[in-house]
Amino acid sequence: MPCSIDDQKLEYEIQNKGLNAPRLTPAHIDSAIKDISYHRLTDVLTVCVLTLMNGFTVTGESACASPENYNEEIGSKVAFENAREKIWMLEGYLLKEKLYQKSLNKPEM
């Protein structure tokens, strides 16, 4: 489950700018994935199901307009990326909640 080229470029830029506050990384997103399954539901539709380490699942879909354009490899890649993108939002919320809870325990100045 390698991260996309865009993820790699963005991560490189973030590191080069010295942005070191708590954040998500492509490696973290990939480490949240426990299992991947693909399902071709119609002659134009592929669904990717990602099971996360805690058992939660996210799905991604890909579809083409014409069955003649269907390609299993491409459909699977697109469906995976669409499912993986959803993990960013979930993990982002979780990180923000952790930071918020931590801020509540700070002593006042």
PDB file of N, CA and C in Angstrom:
ATOM      1  N   MET A   1       0.812  -1.190   0.000  1.00  0.00           N
ATOM      2  CA  MET A   1       0.000   0.000   0.000  1.00  0.00           C
ATOM      3  C   MET A   1       0.857   1.256   0.000  1.00  0.00           C
ATOM      4  N   PRO A   2       1.598   1.463  -1.023  1.00  0.00           N
ATOM      5  CA  PRO A   2       2.432   2.665  -1.036  1.00  0.00           C
ATOM      6  C   PRO A   2       1.594   3.920  -1.174  1.00  0.00           C
ATOM      7  N   CYS A   3       2.114   5.011  -0.595  1.00  0.00           N
ATOM      8  CA  CYS A   3       1.403   6.280  -0.729  1.00  0.00           C
ATOM      9  C   CYS A   3       1.558   6.788  -2.154  1.00  0.00           C
ATOM     10  N   SER A   4       0.664   7.645  -2.556  1.00  0.00           N
ATOM     11  CA  SER A   4       0.690   8.170  -3.919  1.00  0.00           C
ATOM     12  C   SER A   4       1.853   9.135  -4.101  1.00  0.00           C
ATOM     13  N   ILE A   5       2.161   9.412  -5.344  1.00  0.00           N
ATOM     14  CA  ILE A   5       3.243  10.352  -5.656  1.00  0.00           C
ATOM     15  C   ILE A   5       2.923  11.725  -5.077  1.00  0.00           C
ATOM     16  N   ASP A   6       1.659  12.144  -5.164  1.00  0.00           N
ATOM     17  CA  ASP A   6       1.280  13.436  -4.600  1.00  0.00           C
ATOM     18  C   ASP A   6       1.536  13.474  -3.097  1.00  0.00           C
ATOM     19  N   ASP A   7       1.232  12.382  -2.389  1.00  0.00           N
ATOM     20  CA  ASP A   7       1.515  12.301  -0.954  1.00  0.00           C
ATOM     21  C   ASP A   7       3.001  12.433  -0.688  1.00  0.00           C
ATOM     22  N   GLN A   8       3.809  11.779  -1.501  1.00  0.00           N
ATOM     23  CA  GLN A   8       5.259  11.822  -1.326  1.00  0.00           C
ATOM     24  C   GLN A   8       5.791  13.243  -1.531  1.00  0.00           C
ATOM     25  N   LYS A   9       5.298  13.921  -2.567  1.00  0.00           N
ATOM     26  CA  LYS A   9       5.742  15.290  -2.844  1.00  0.00           C
ATOM     27  C   LYS A   9       5.354  16.228  -1.707  1.00  0.00           C
ATOM     28  N   LEU A  10       4.141  16.106  -1.242  1.00  0.00           N
ATOM     29  CA  LEU A  10       3.663  16.972  -0.165  1.00  0.00           C
ATOM     30  C   LEU A  10       4.432  16.709   1.125  1.00  0.00           C
ATOM     31  N   GLU A  11       4.664  15.451   1.440  1.00  0.00           N
ATOM     32  CA  GLU A  11       5.415  15.111   2.651  1.00  0.00           C
ATOM     33  C   GLU A  11       6.827  15.681   2.572  1.00  0.00           C
ATOM     34  N   TYR A  12       7.453  15.586   1.425  1.00  0.00           N
ATOM     35  CA  TYR A  12       8.794  16.136   1.224  1.00  0.00           C
ATOM     36  C   TYR A  12       8.792  17.648   1.454  1.00  0.00           C
ATOM     37  N   GLU A  13       7.803  18.334   0.911  1.00  0.00           N
ATOM     38  CA  GLU A  13       7.708  19.787   1.069  1.00  0.00           C
ATOM     39  C   GLU A  13       7.497  20.168   2.531  1.00  0.00           C
ATOM     40  N   ILE A  14       6.630  19.450   3.225  1.00  0.00           N
ATOM     41  CA  ILE A  14       6.371  19.721   4.645  1.00  0.00           C
ATOM     42  C   ILE A  14       7.652  19.560   5.460  1.00  0.00           C
ATOM     43  N   GLN A  15       8.372  18.480   5.205  1.00  0.00           N
ATOM     44  CA  GLN A  15       9.613  18.241   5.945  1.00  0.00           C
ATOM     45  C   GLN A  15      10.657  19.303   5.632  1.00  0.00           C
ATOM     46  N   ASN A  16      10.763  19.691   4.377  1.00  0.00           N
ATOM     47  CA  ASN A  16      11.743  20.716   3.990  1.00  0.00           C
ATOM     48  C   ASN A  16      11.447  22.073   4.610  1.00  0.00           C
ATOM     49  N   LYS A  17      10.204  22.349   4.899  1.00  0.00           N
ATOM     50  CA  LYS A  17       9.820  23.618   5.518  1.00  0.00           C
ATOM     51  C   LYS A  17       9.895  23.551   7.038  1.00  0.00           C
ATOM     52  N   GLY A  18      10.292  22.389   7.577  1.00  0.00           N
ATOM     53  CA  GLY A  18      10.463  22.247   9.017  1.00  0.00           C
ATOM     54  C   GLY A  18       9.169  22.302   9.803  1.00  0.00           C
ATOM     55  N   LEU A  19       8.078  21.915   9.199  1.00  0.00           N
ATOM     56  CA  LEU A  19       6.779  21.930   9.883  1.00  0.00           C
ATOM     57  C   LEU A  19       6.661  20.663  10.736  1.00  0.00           C
ATOM     58  N   ASN A  20       6.843  20.835  12.032  1.00  0.00           N
ATOM     59  CA  ASN A  20       6.958  19.676  12.911  1.00  0.00           C
ATOM     60  C   ASN A  20       5.857  19.562  13.956  1.00  0.00           C
ATOM     61  N   ALA A  21       4.802  20.346  13.830  1.00  0.00           N
ATOM     62  CA  ALA A  21       3.685  20.223  14.777  1.00  0.00           C
ATOM     63  C   ALA A  21       3.012  18.866  14.557  1.00  0.00           C
ATOM     64  N   PRO A  22       2.251  18.405  15.535  1.00  0.00           N
ATOM     65  CA  PRO A  22       1.552  17.133  15.344  1.00  0.00           C
ATOM     66  C   PRO A  22       0.731  17.159  14.049  1.00  0.00           C
ATOM     67  N   ARG A  23       0.866  16.119  13.264  1.00  0.00           N
ATOM     68  CA  ARG A  23       0.170  16.029  11.984  1.00  0.00           C
ATOM     69  C   ARG A  23       0.106  14.583  11.534  1.00  0.00           C
ATOM     70  N   LEU A  24      -0.678  14.368  10.521  1.00  0.00           N
ATOM     71  CA  LEU A  24      -0.760  13.050   9.912  1.00  0.00           C
ATOM     72  C   LEU A  24       0.285  12.940   8.820  1.00  0.00           C
ATOM     73  N   THR A  25       0.731  11.730   8.579  1.00  0.00           N
ATOM     74  CA  THR A  25       1.666  11.472   7.492  1.00  0.00           C
ATOM     75  C   THR A  25       1.100  10.351   6.623  1.00  0.00           C
ATOM     76  N   PRO A  26       1.559  10.268   5.379  1.00  0.00           N
ATOM     77  CA  PRO A  26       1.118   9.158   4.539  1.00  0.00           C
ATOM     78  C   PRO A  26       1.415   7.795   5.178  1.00  0.00           C
ATOM     79  N   ALA A  27       2.557   7.694   5.841  1.00  0.00           N
ATOM     80  CA  ALA A  27       2.900   6.425   6.499  1.00  0.00           C
ATOM     81  C   ALA A  27       1.899   6.089   7.604  1.00  0.00           C
ATOM     82  N   HIS A  28       1.458   7.113   8.340  1.00  0.00           N
ATOM     83  CA  HIS A  28       0.463   6.877   9.388  1.00  0.00           C
ATOM     84  C   HIS A  28      -0.844   6.387   8.781  1.00  0.00           C
ATOM     85  N   ILE A  29      -1.268   7.021   7.701  1.00  0.00           N
ATOM     86  CA  ILE A  29      -2.513   6.620   7.043  1.00  0.00           C
ATOM     87  C   ILE A  29      -2.407   5.170   6.587  1.00  0.00           C
ATOM     88  N   ASP A  30      -1.296   4.822   5.954  1.00  0.00           N
ATOM     89  CA  ASP A  30      -1.120   3.446   5.489  1.00  0.00           C
ATOM     90  C   ASP A  30      -1.057   2.451   6.641  1.00  0.00           C
ATOM     91  N   SER A  31      -0.490   2.878   7.785  1.00  0.00           N
ATOM     92  CA  SER A  31      -0.385   1.956   8.925  1.00  0.00           C
ATOM     93  C   SER A  31      -1.739   1.696   9.575  1.00  0.00           C
ATOM     94  N   ALA A  32      -2.728   2.527   9.275  1.00  0.00           N
ATOM     95  CA  ALA A  32      -4.066   2.324   9.835  1.00  0.00           C
ATOM     96  C   ALA A  32      -4.829   1.220   9.108  1.00  0.00           C
ATOM     97  N   ILE A  33      -4.335   0.801   7.940  1.00  0.00           N
ATOM     98  CA  ILE A  33      -5.029  -0.189   7.121  1.00  0.00           C
ATOM     99  C   ILE A  33      -4.603  -1.601   7.522  1.00  0.00           C
ATOM    100  N   LYS A  34      -5.589  -2.399   7.890  1.00  0.00           N
ATOM    101  CA  LYS A  34      -5.335  -3.789   8.273  1.00  0.00           C
ATOM    102  C   LYS A  34      -5.561  -4.753   7.105  1.00  0.00           C
ATOM    103  N   ASP A  35      -6.608  -4.479   6.308  1.00  0.00           N
ATOM    104  CA  ASP A  35      -6.956  -5.409   5.232  1.00  0.00           C
ATOM    105  C   ASP A  35      -7.570  -4.639   4.067  1.00  0.00           C
ATOM    106  N   ILE A  36      -7.355  -5.168   2.863  1.00  0.00           N
ATOM    107  CA  ILE A  36      -7.896  -4.574   1.643  1.00  0.00           C
ATOM    108  C   ILE A  36      -8.631  -5.654   0.869  1.00  0.00           C
ATOM    109  N   SER A  37      -9.843  -5.342   0.433  1.00  0.00           N
ATOM    110  CA  SER A  37     -10.545  -6.267  -0.464  1.00  0.00           C
ATOM    111  C   SER A  37     -11.200  -5.473  -1.584  1.00  0.00           C
ATOM    112  N   TYR A  38     -11.277  -6.110  -2.732  1.00  0.00           N
ATOM    113  CA  TYR A  38     -11.866  -5.492  -3.916  1.00  0.00           C
ATOM    114  C   TYR A  38     -13.056  -6.328  -4.368  1.00  0.00           C
ATOM    115  N   HIS A  39     -14.065  -5.630  -4.874  1.00  0.00           N
ATOM    116  CA  HIS A  39     -15.273  -6.301  -5.339  1.00  0.00           C
ATOM    117  C   HIS A  39     -15.736  -5.635  -6.630  1.00  0.00           C
ATOM    118  N   ARG A  40     -15.895  -6.433  -7.659  1.00  0.00           N
ATOM    119  CA  ARG A  40     -16.464  -5.918  -8.904  1.00  0.00           C
ATOM    120  C   ARG A  40     -17.960  -6.183  -8.829  1.00  0.00           C
ATOM    121  N   LEU A  41     -18.727  -5.112  -8.699  1.00  0.00           N
ATOM    122  CA  LEU A  41     -20.159  -5.256  -8.475  1.00  0.00           C
ATOM    123  C   LEU A  41     -20.972  -5.281  -9.765  1.00  0.00           C
ATOM    124  N   THR A  42     -20.502  -4.596 -10.781  1.00  0.00           N
ATOM    125  CA  THR A  42     -21.164  -4.615 -12.088  1.00  0.00           C
ATOM    126  C   THR A  42     -20.077  -4.653 -13.152  1.00  0.00           C
ATOM    127  N   ASP A  43     -20.487  -4.549 -14.402  1.00  0.00           N
ATOM    128  CA  ASP A  43     -19.489  -4.580 -15.467  1.00  0.00           C
ATOM    129  C   ASP A  43     -18.716  -3.266 -15.597  1.00  0.00           C
ATOM    130  N   VAL A  44     -19.044  -2.273 -14.749  1.00  0.00           N
ATOM    131  CA  VAL A  44     -18.316  -0.992 -14.774  1.00  0.00           C
ATOM    132  C   VAL A  44     -17.907  -0.498 -13.387  1.00  0.00           C
ATOM    133  N   LEU A  45     -18.231  -1.227 -12.334  1.00  0.00           N
ATOM    134  CA  LEU A  45     -18.052  -0.720 -10.967  1.00  0.00           C
ATOM    135  C   LEU A  45     -17.149  -1.617 -10.122  1.00  0.00           C
ATOM    136  N   THR A  46     -16.129  -0.995  -9.529  1.00  0.00           N
ATOM    137  CA  THR A  46     -15.249  -1.675  -8.577  1.00  0.00           C
ATOM    138  C   THR A  46     -15.356  -0.960  -7.239  1.00  0.00           C
ATOM    139  N   VAL A  47     -15.442  -1.730  -6.166  1.00  0.00           N
ATOM    140  CA  VAL A  47     -15.471  -1.182  -4.816  1.00  0.00           C
ATOM    141  C   VAL A  47     -14.275  -1.738  -4.057  1.00  0.00           C
ATOM    142  N   CYS A  48     -13.586  -0.855  -3.347  1.00  0.00           N
ATOM    143  CA  CYS A  48     -12.485  -1.255  -2.474  1.00  0.00           C
ATOM    144  C   CYS A  48     -12.960  -1.080  -1.036  1.00  0.00           C
ATOM    145  N   VAL A  49     -12.764  -2.104  -0.233  1.00  0.00           N
ATOM    146  CA  VAL A  49     -13.102  -2.036   1.184  1.00  0.00           C
ATOM    147  C   VAL A  49     -11.799  -2.099   1.973  1.00  0.00           C
ATOM    148  N   LEU A  50     -11.551  -1.046   2.753  1.00  0.00           N
ATOM    149  CA  LEU A  50     -10.376  -1.017   3.628  1.00  0.00           C
ATOM    150  C   LEU A  50     -10.858  -1.245   5.050  1.00  0.00           C
ATOM    151  N   THR A  51     -10.318  -2.272   5.681  1.00  0.00           N
ATOM    152  CA  THR A  51     -10.603  -2.511   7.086  1.00  0.00           C
ATOM    153  C   THR A  51      -9.443  -1.913   7.875  1.00  0.00           C
ATOM    154  N   LEU A  52      -9.781  -1.038   8.798  1.00  0.00           N
ATOM    155  CA  LEU A  52      -8.761  -0.366   9.586  1.00  0.00           C
ATOM    156  C   LEU A  52      -8.373  -1.217  10.787  1.00  0.00           C
ATOM    157  N   MET A  53      -7.302  -0.838  11.441  1.00  0.00           N
ATOM    158  CA  MET A  53      -6.772  -1.629  12.555  1.00  0.00           C
ATOM    159  C   MET A  53      -7.811  -1.833  13.659  1.00  0.00           C
ATOM    160  N   ASN A  54      -8.708  -0.871  13.852  1.00  0.00           N
ATOM    161  CA  ASN A  54      -9.713  -0.989  14.909  1.00  0.00           C
ATOM    162  C   ASN A  54     -10.977  -1.717  14.441  1.00  0.00           C
ATOM    163  N   GLY A  55     -10.987  -2.186  13.193  1.00  0.00           N
ATOM    164  CA  GLY A  55     -12.123  -2.912  12.663  1.00  0.00           C
ATOM    165  C   GLY A  55     -13.100  -2.073  11.864  1.00  0.00           C
ATOM    166  N   PHE A  56     -12.975  -0.746  11.922  1.00  0.00           N
ATOM    167  CA  PHE A  56     -13.841   0.138  11.145  1.00  0.00           C
ATOM    168  C   PHE A  56     -13.533  -0.056   9.664  1.00  0.00           C
ATOM    169  N   THR A  57     -14.525   0.111   8.804  1.00  0.00           N
ATOM    170  CA  THR A  57     -14.290  -0.028   7.368  1.00  0.00           C
ATOM    171  C   THR A  57     -14.633   1.249   6.635  1.00  0.00           C
ATOM    172  N   VAL A  58     -13.885   1.501   5.573  1.00  0.00           N
ATOM    173  CA  VAL A  58     -14.180   2.582   4.644  1.00  0.00           C
ATOM    174  C   VAL A  58     -14.202   1.987   3.245  1.00  0.00           C
ATOM    175  N   THR A  59     -14.954   2.607   2.362  1.00  0.00           N
ATOM    176  CA  THR A  59     -15.053   2.118   0.994  1.00  0.00           C
ATOM    177  C   THR A  59     -14.692   3.210   0.006  1.00  0.00           C
ATOM    178  N   GLY A  60     -14.240   2.776  -1.132  1.00  0.00           N
ATOM    179  CA  GLY A  60     -13.989   3.658  -2.254  1.00  0.00           C
ATOM    180  C   GLY A  60     -14.514   2.985  -3.502  1.00  0.00           C
ATOM    181  N   GLU A  61     -14.932   3.772  -4.450  1.00  0.00           N
ATOM    182  CA  GLU A  61     -15.519   3.231  -5.654  1.00  0.00           C
ATOM    183  C   GLU A  61     -14.834   3.803  -6.891  1.00  0.00           C
ATOM    184  N   SER A  62     -14.915   3.049  -7.963  1.00  0.00           N
ATOM    185  CA  SER A  62     -14.529   3.565  -9.271  1.00  0.00           C
ATOM    186  C   SER A  62     -15.499   2.970 -10.282  1.00  0.00           C
ATOM    187  N   ALA A  63     -15.837   3.765 -11.261  1.00  0.00           N
ATOM    188  CA  ALA A  63     -16.748   3.302 -12.304  1.00  0.00           C
ATOM    189  C   ALA A  63     -16.390   3.987 -13.608  1.00  0.00           C
ATOM    190  N   CYS A  64     -16.618   3.285 -14.689  1.00  0.00           N
ATOM    191  CA  CYS A  64     -16.430   3.892 -16.003  1.00  0.00           C
ATOM    192  C   CYS A  64     -17.788   3.928 -16.702  1.00  0.00           C
ATOM    193  N   ALA A  65     -17.900   4.788 -17.675  1.00  0.00           N
ATOM    194  CA  ALA A  65     -19.179   4.958 -18.367  1.00  0.00           C
ATOM    195  C   ALA A  65     -19.486   3.790 -19.298  1.00  0.00           C
ATOM    196  N   SER A  66     -18.464   3.217 -19.887  1.00  0.00           N
ATOM    197  CA  SER A  66     -18.662   2.132 -20.852  1.00  0.00           C
ATOM    198  C   SER A  66     -17.967   0.862 -20.386  1.00  0.00           C
ATOM    199  N   PRO A  67     -18.661  -0.258 -20.421  1.00  0.00           N
ATOM    200  CA  PRO A  67     -18.028  -1.521 -20.042  1.00  0.00           C
ATOM    201  C   PRO A  67     -16.763  -1.811 -20.849  1.00  0.00           C
ATOM    202  N   GLU A  68     -16.699  -1.314 -22.066  1.00  0.00           N
ATOM    203  CA  GLU A  68     -15.523  -1.545 -22.913  1.00  0.00           C
ATOM    204  C   GLU A  68     -14.274  -0.868 -22.343  1.00  0.00           C
ATOM    205  N   ASN A  69     -14.468   0.140 -21.517  1.00  0.00           N
ATOM    206  CA  ASN A  69     -13.333   0.842 -20.910  1.00  0.00           C
ATOM    207  C   ASN A  69     -12.938   0.276 -19.561  1.00  0.00           C
ATOM    208  N   TYR A  70     -13.661  -0.717 -19.070  1.00  0.00           N
ATOM    209  CA  TYR A  70     -13.346  -1.262 -17.746  1.00  0.00           C
ATOM    210  C   TYR A  70     -11.996  -1.963 -17.778  1.00  0.00           C
ATOM    211  N   ASN A  71     -11.180  -1.649 -16.777  1.00  0.00           N
ATOM    212  CA  ASN A  71      -9.899  -2.314 -16.588  1.00  0.00           C
ATOM    213  C   ASN A  71      -9.765  -2.591 -15.105  1.00  0.00           C
ATOM    214  N   GLU A  72      -9.620  -3.843 -14.741  1.00  0.00           N
ATOM    215  CA  GLU A  72      -9.591  -4.226 -13.324  1.00  0.00           C
ATOM    216  C   GLU A  72      -8.477  -3.531 -12.554  1.00  0.00           C
ATOM    217  N   GLU A  73      -7.290  -3.464 -13.129  1.00  0.00           N
ATOM    218  CA  GLU A  73      -6.156  -2.846 -12.438  1.00  0.00           C
ATOM    219  C   GLU A  73      -6.399  -1.357 -12.183  1.00  0.00           C
ATOM    220  N   ILE A  74      -6.851  -0.649 -13.194  1.00  0.00           N
ATOM    221  CA  ILE A  74      -7.113   0.780 -13.038  1.00  0.00           C
ATOM    222  C   ILE A  74      -8.265   1.005 -12.064  1.00  0.00           C
ATOM    223  N   GLY A  75      -9.331   0.242 -12.221  1.00  0.00           N
ATOM    224  CA  GLY A  75     -10.475   0.373 -11.329  1.00  0.00           C
ATOM    225  C   GLY A  75     -10.100   0.136  -9.879  1.00  0.00           C
ATOM    226  N   SER A  76      -9.261  -0.855  -9.648  1.00  0.00           N
ATOM    227  CA  SER A  76      -8.824  -1.160  -8.284  1.00  0.00           C
ATOM    228  C   SER A  76      -7.979  -0.030  -7.703  1.00  0.00           C
ATOM    229  N   LYS A  77      -7.083   0.534  -8.516  1.00  0.00           N
ATOM    230  CA  LYS A  77      -6.241   1.644  -8.046  1.00  0.00           C
ATOM    231  C   LYS A  77      -7.083   2.859  -7.672  1.00  0.00           C
ATOM    232  N   VAL A  78      -8.022   3.201  -8.531  1.00  0.00           N
ATOM    233  CA  VAL A  78      -8.864   4.369  -8.272  1.00  0.00           C
ATOM    234  C   VAL A  78      -9.736   4.136  -7.045  1.00  0.00           C
ATOM    235  N   ALA A  79     -10.324   2.962  -6.931  1.00  0.00           N
ATOM    236  CA  ALA A  79     -11.172   2.650  -5.782  1.00  0.00           C
ATOM    237  C   ALA A  79     -10.360   2.682  -4.490  1.00  0.00           C
ATOM    238  N   PHE A  80      -9.131   2.154  -4.516  1.00  0.00           N
ATOM    239  CA  PHE A  80      -8.272   2.176  -3.338  1.00  0.00           C
ATOM    240  C   PHE A  80      -7.966   3.603  -2.915  1.00  0.00           C
ATOM    241  N   GLU A  81      -7.549   4.439  -3.858  1.00  0.00           N
ATOM    242  CA  GLU A  81      -7.221   5.837  -3.534  1.00  0.00           C
ATOM    243  C   GLU A  81      -8.431   6.569  -2.978  1.00  0.00           C
ATOM    244  N   ASN A  82      -9.615   6.301  -3.530  1.00  0.00           N
ATOM    245  CA  ASN A  82     -10.825   6.943  -3.026  1.00  0.00           C
ATOM    246  C   ASN A  82     -11.149   6.490  -1.606  1.00  0.00           C
ATOM    247  N   ALA A  83     -10.917   5.227  -1.300  1.00  0.00           N
ATOM    248  CA  ALA A  83     -11.139   4.726   0.066  1.00  0.00           C
ATOM    249  C   ALA A  83     -10.079   5.291   1.010  1.00  0.00           C
ATOM    250  N   ARG A  84      -8.828   5.269   0.587  1.00  0.00           N
ATOM    251  CA  ARG A  84      -7.718   5.753   1.424  1.00  0.00           C
ATOM    252  C   ARG A  84      -7.893   7.218   1.775  1.00  0.00           C
ATOM    253  N   GLU A  85      -8.427   8.008   0.852  1.00  0.00           N
ATOM    254  CA  GLU A  85      -8.643   9.433   1.088  1.00  0.00           C
ATOM    255  C   GLU A  85      -9.572   9.660   2.281  1.00  0.00           C
ATOM    256  N   LYS A  86     -10.515   8.778   2.488  1.00  0.00           N
ATOM    257  CA  LYS A  86     -11.455   8.913   3.603  1.00  0.00           C
ATOM    258  C   LYS A  86     -10.755   8.727   4.953  1.00  0.00           C
ATOM    259  N   ILE A  87      -9.677   7.967   4.969  1.00  0.00           N
ATOM    260  CA  ILE A  87      -8.944   7.741   6.220  1.00  0.00           C
ATOM    261  C   ILE A  87      -8.330   9.044   6.720  1.00  0.00           C
ATOM    262  N   TRP A  88      -7.895   9.913   5.807  1.00  0.00           N
ATOM    263  CA  TRP A  88      -7.310  11.193   6.194  1.00  0.00           C
ATOM    264  C   TRP A  88      -8.277  11.984   7.064  1.00  0.00           C
ATOM    265  N   MET A  89      -9.529  12.031   6.663  1.00  0.00           N
ATOM    266  CA  MET A  89     -10.510  12.805   7.430  1.00  0.00           C
ATOM    267  C   MET A  89     -10.747  12.163   8.796  1.00  0.00           C
ATOM    268  N   LEU A  90     -10.881  10.871   8.817  1.00  0.00           N
ATOM    269  CA  LEU A  90     -11.121  10.189  10.094  1.00  0.00           C
ATOM    270  C   LEU A  90      -9.942  10.356  11.049  1.00  0.00           C
ATOM    271  N   GLU A  91      -8.761  10.140  10.552  1.00  0.00           N
ATOM    272  CA  GLU A  91      -7.563  10.254  11.390  1.00  0.00           C
ATOM    273  C   GLU A  91      -7.298  11.709  11.763  1.00  0.00           C
ATOM    274  N   GLY A  92      -7.624  12.629  10.863  1.00  0.00           N
ATOM    275  CA  GLY A  92      -7.479  14.053  11.171  1.00  0.00           C
ATOM    276  C   GLY A  92      -8.386  14.458  12.323  1.00  0.00           C
ATOM    277  N   TYR A  93      -9.609  13.989  12.289  1.00  0.00           N
ATOM    278  CA  TYR A  93     -10.536  14.268  13.383  1.00  0.00           C
ATOM    279  C   TYR A  93     -10.000  13.684  14.687  1.00  0.00           C
ATOM    280  N   LEU A  94      -9.523  12.458  14.626  1.00  0.00           N
ATOM    281  CA  LEU A  94      -9.007  11.803  15.833  1.00  0.00           C
ATOM    282  C   LEU A  94      -7.807  12.567  16.406  1.00  0.00           C
ATOM    283  N   LEU A  95      -6.895  12.996  15.562  1.00  0.00           N
ATOM    284  CA  LEU A  95      -5.741  13.767  16.036  1.00  0.00           C
ATOM    285  C   LEU A  95      -6.186  15.091  16.648  1.00  0.00           C
ATOM    286  N   LYS A  96      -7.100  15.780  15.981  1.00  0.00           N
ATOM    287  CA  LYS A  96      -7.581  17.060  16.499  1.00  0.00           C
ATOM    288  C   LYS A  96      -8.258  16.876  17.855  1.00  0.00           C
ATOM    289  N   GLU A  97      -9.024  15.811  18.015  1.00  0.00           N
ATOM    290  CA  GLU A  97      -9.677  15.534  19.300  1.00  0.00           C
ATOM    291  C   GLU A  97      -8.642  15.263  20.385  1.00  0.00           C
ATOM    292  N   LYS A  98      -7.603  14.514  20.068  1.00  0.00           N
ATOM    293  CA  LYS A  98      -6.537  14.244  21.041  1.00  0.00           C
ATOM    294  C   LYS A  98      -5.844  15.540  21.456  1.00  0.00           C
ATOM    295  N   LEU A  99      -5.558  16.412  20.490  1.00  0.00           N
ATOM    296  CA  LEU A  99      -4.915  17.690  20.801  1.00  0.00           C
ATOM    297  C   LEU A  99      -5.830  18.567  21.647  1.00  0.00           C
ATOM    298  N   TYR A 100      -7.109  18.556  21.336  1.00  0.00           N
ATOM    299  CA  TYR A 100      -8.081  19.322  22.108  1.00  0.00           C
ATOM    300  C   TYR A 100      -8.153  18.804  23.544  1.00  0.00           C
ATOM    301  N   GLN A 101      -8.259  17.509  23.714  1.00  0.00           N
ATOM    302  CA  GLN A 101      -8.331  16.936  25.061  1.00  0.00           C
ATOM    303  C   GLN A 101      -7.066  17.246  25.847  1.00  0.00           C
ATOM    304  N   LYS A 102      -5.933  17.200  25.185  1.00  0.00           N
ATOM    305  CA  LYS A 102      -4.663  17.533  25.836  1.00  0.00           C
ATOM    306  C   LYS A 102      -4.651  18.993  26.271  1.00  0.00           C
ATOM    307  N   SER A 103      -5.217  19.880  25.447  1.00  0.00           N
ATOM    308  CA  SER A 103      -5.241  21.307  25.793  1.00  0.00           C
ATOM    309  C   SER A 103      -6.126  21.587  27.012  1.00  0.00           C
ATOM    310  N   LEU A 104      -7.103  20.762  27.246  1.00  0.00           N
ATOM    311  CA  LEU A 104      -7.976  20.947  28.412  1.00  0.00           C
ATOM    312  C   LEU A 104      -7.255  20.643  29.715  1.00  0.00           C
ATOM    313  N   ASN A 105      -6.214  19.863  29.628  1.00  0.00           N
ATOM    314  CA  ASN A 105      -5.456  19.479  30.831  1.00  0.00           C
ATOM    315  C   ASN A 105      -4.275  20.405  31.107  1.00  0.00           C
ATOM    316  N   LYS A 106      -4.098  21.443  30.286  1.00  0.00           N
ATOM    317  CA  LYS A 106      -2.990  22.376  30.502  1.00  0.00           C
ATOM    318  C   LYS A 106      -3.262  23.258  31.709  1.00  0.00           C
ATOM    319  N   PRO A 107      -2.242  23.483  32.511  1.00  0.00           N
ATOM    320  CA  PRO A 107      -2.422  24.446  33.609  1.00  0.00           C
ATOM    321  C   PRO A 107      -2.516  25.860  33.028  1.00  0.00           C
ATOM    322  N   GLU A 108      -3.331  26.682  33.665  1.00  0.00           N
ATOM    323  CA  GLU A 108      -3.488  28.055  33.193  1.00  0.00           C
ATOM    324  C   GLU A 108      -2.239  28.858  33.514  1.00  0.00           C
ATOM    325  N   MET A 109      -1.941  29.856  32.676  1.00  0.00           N
ATOM    326  CA  MET A 109      -0.743  30.676  32.860  1.00  0.00           C
ATOM    327  C   MET A 109      -1.033  31.886  33.669  1.00  0.00           C
TER     328      MET A 109
END
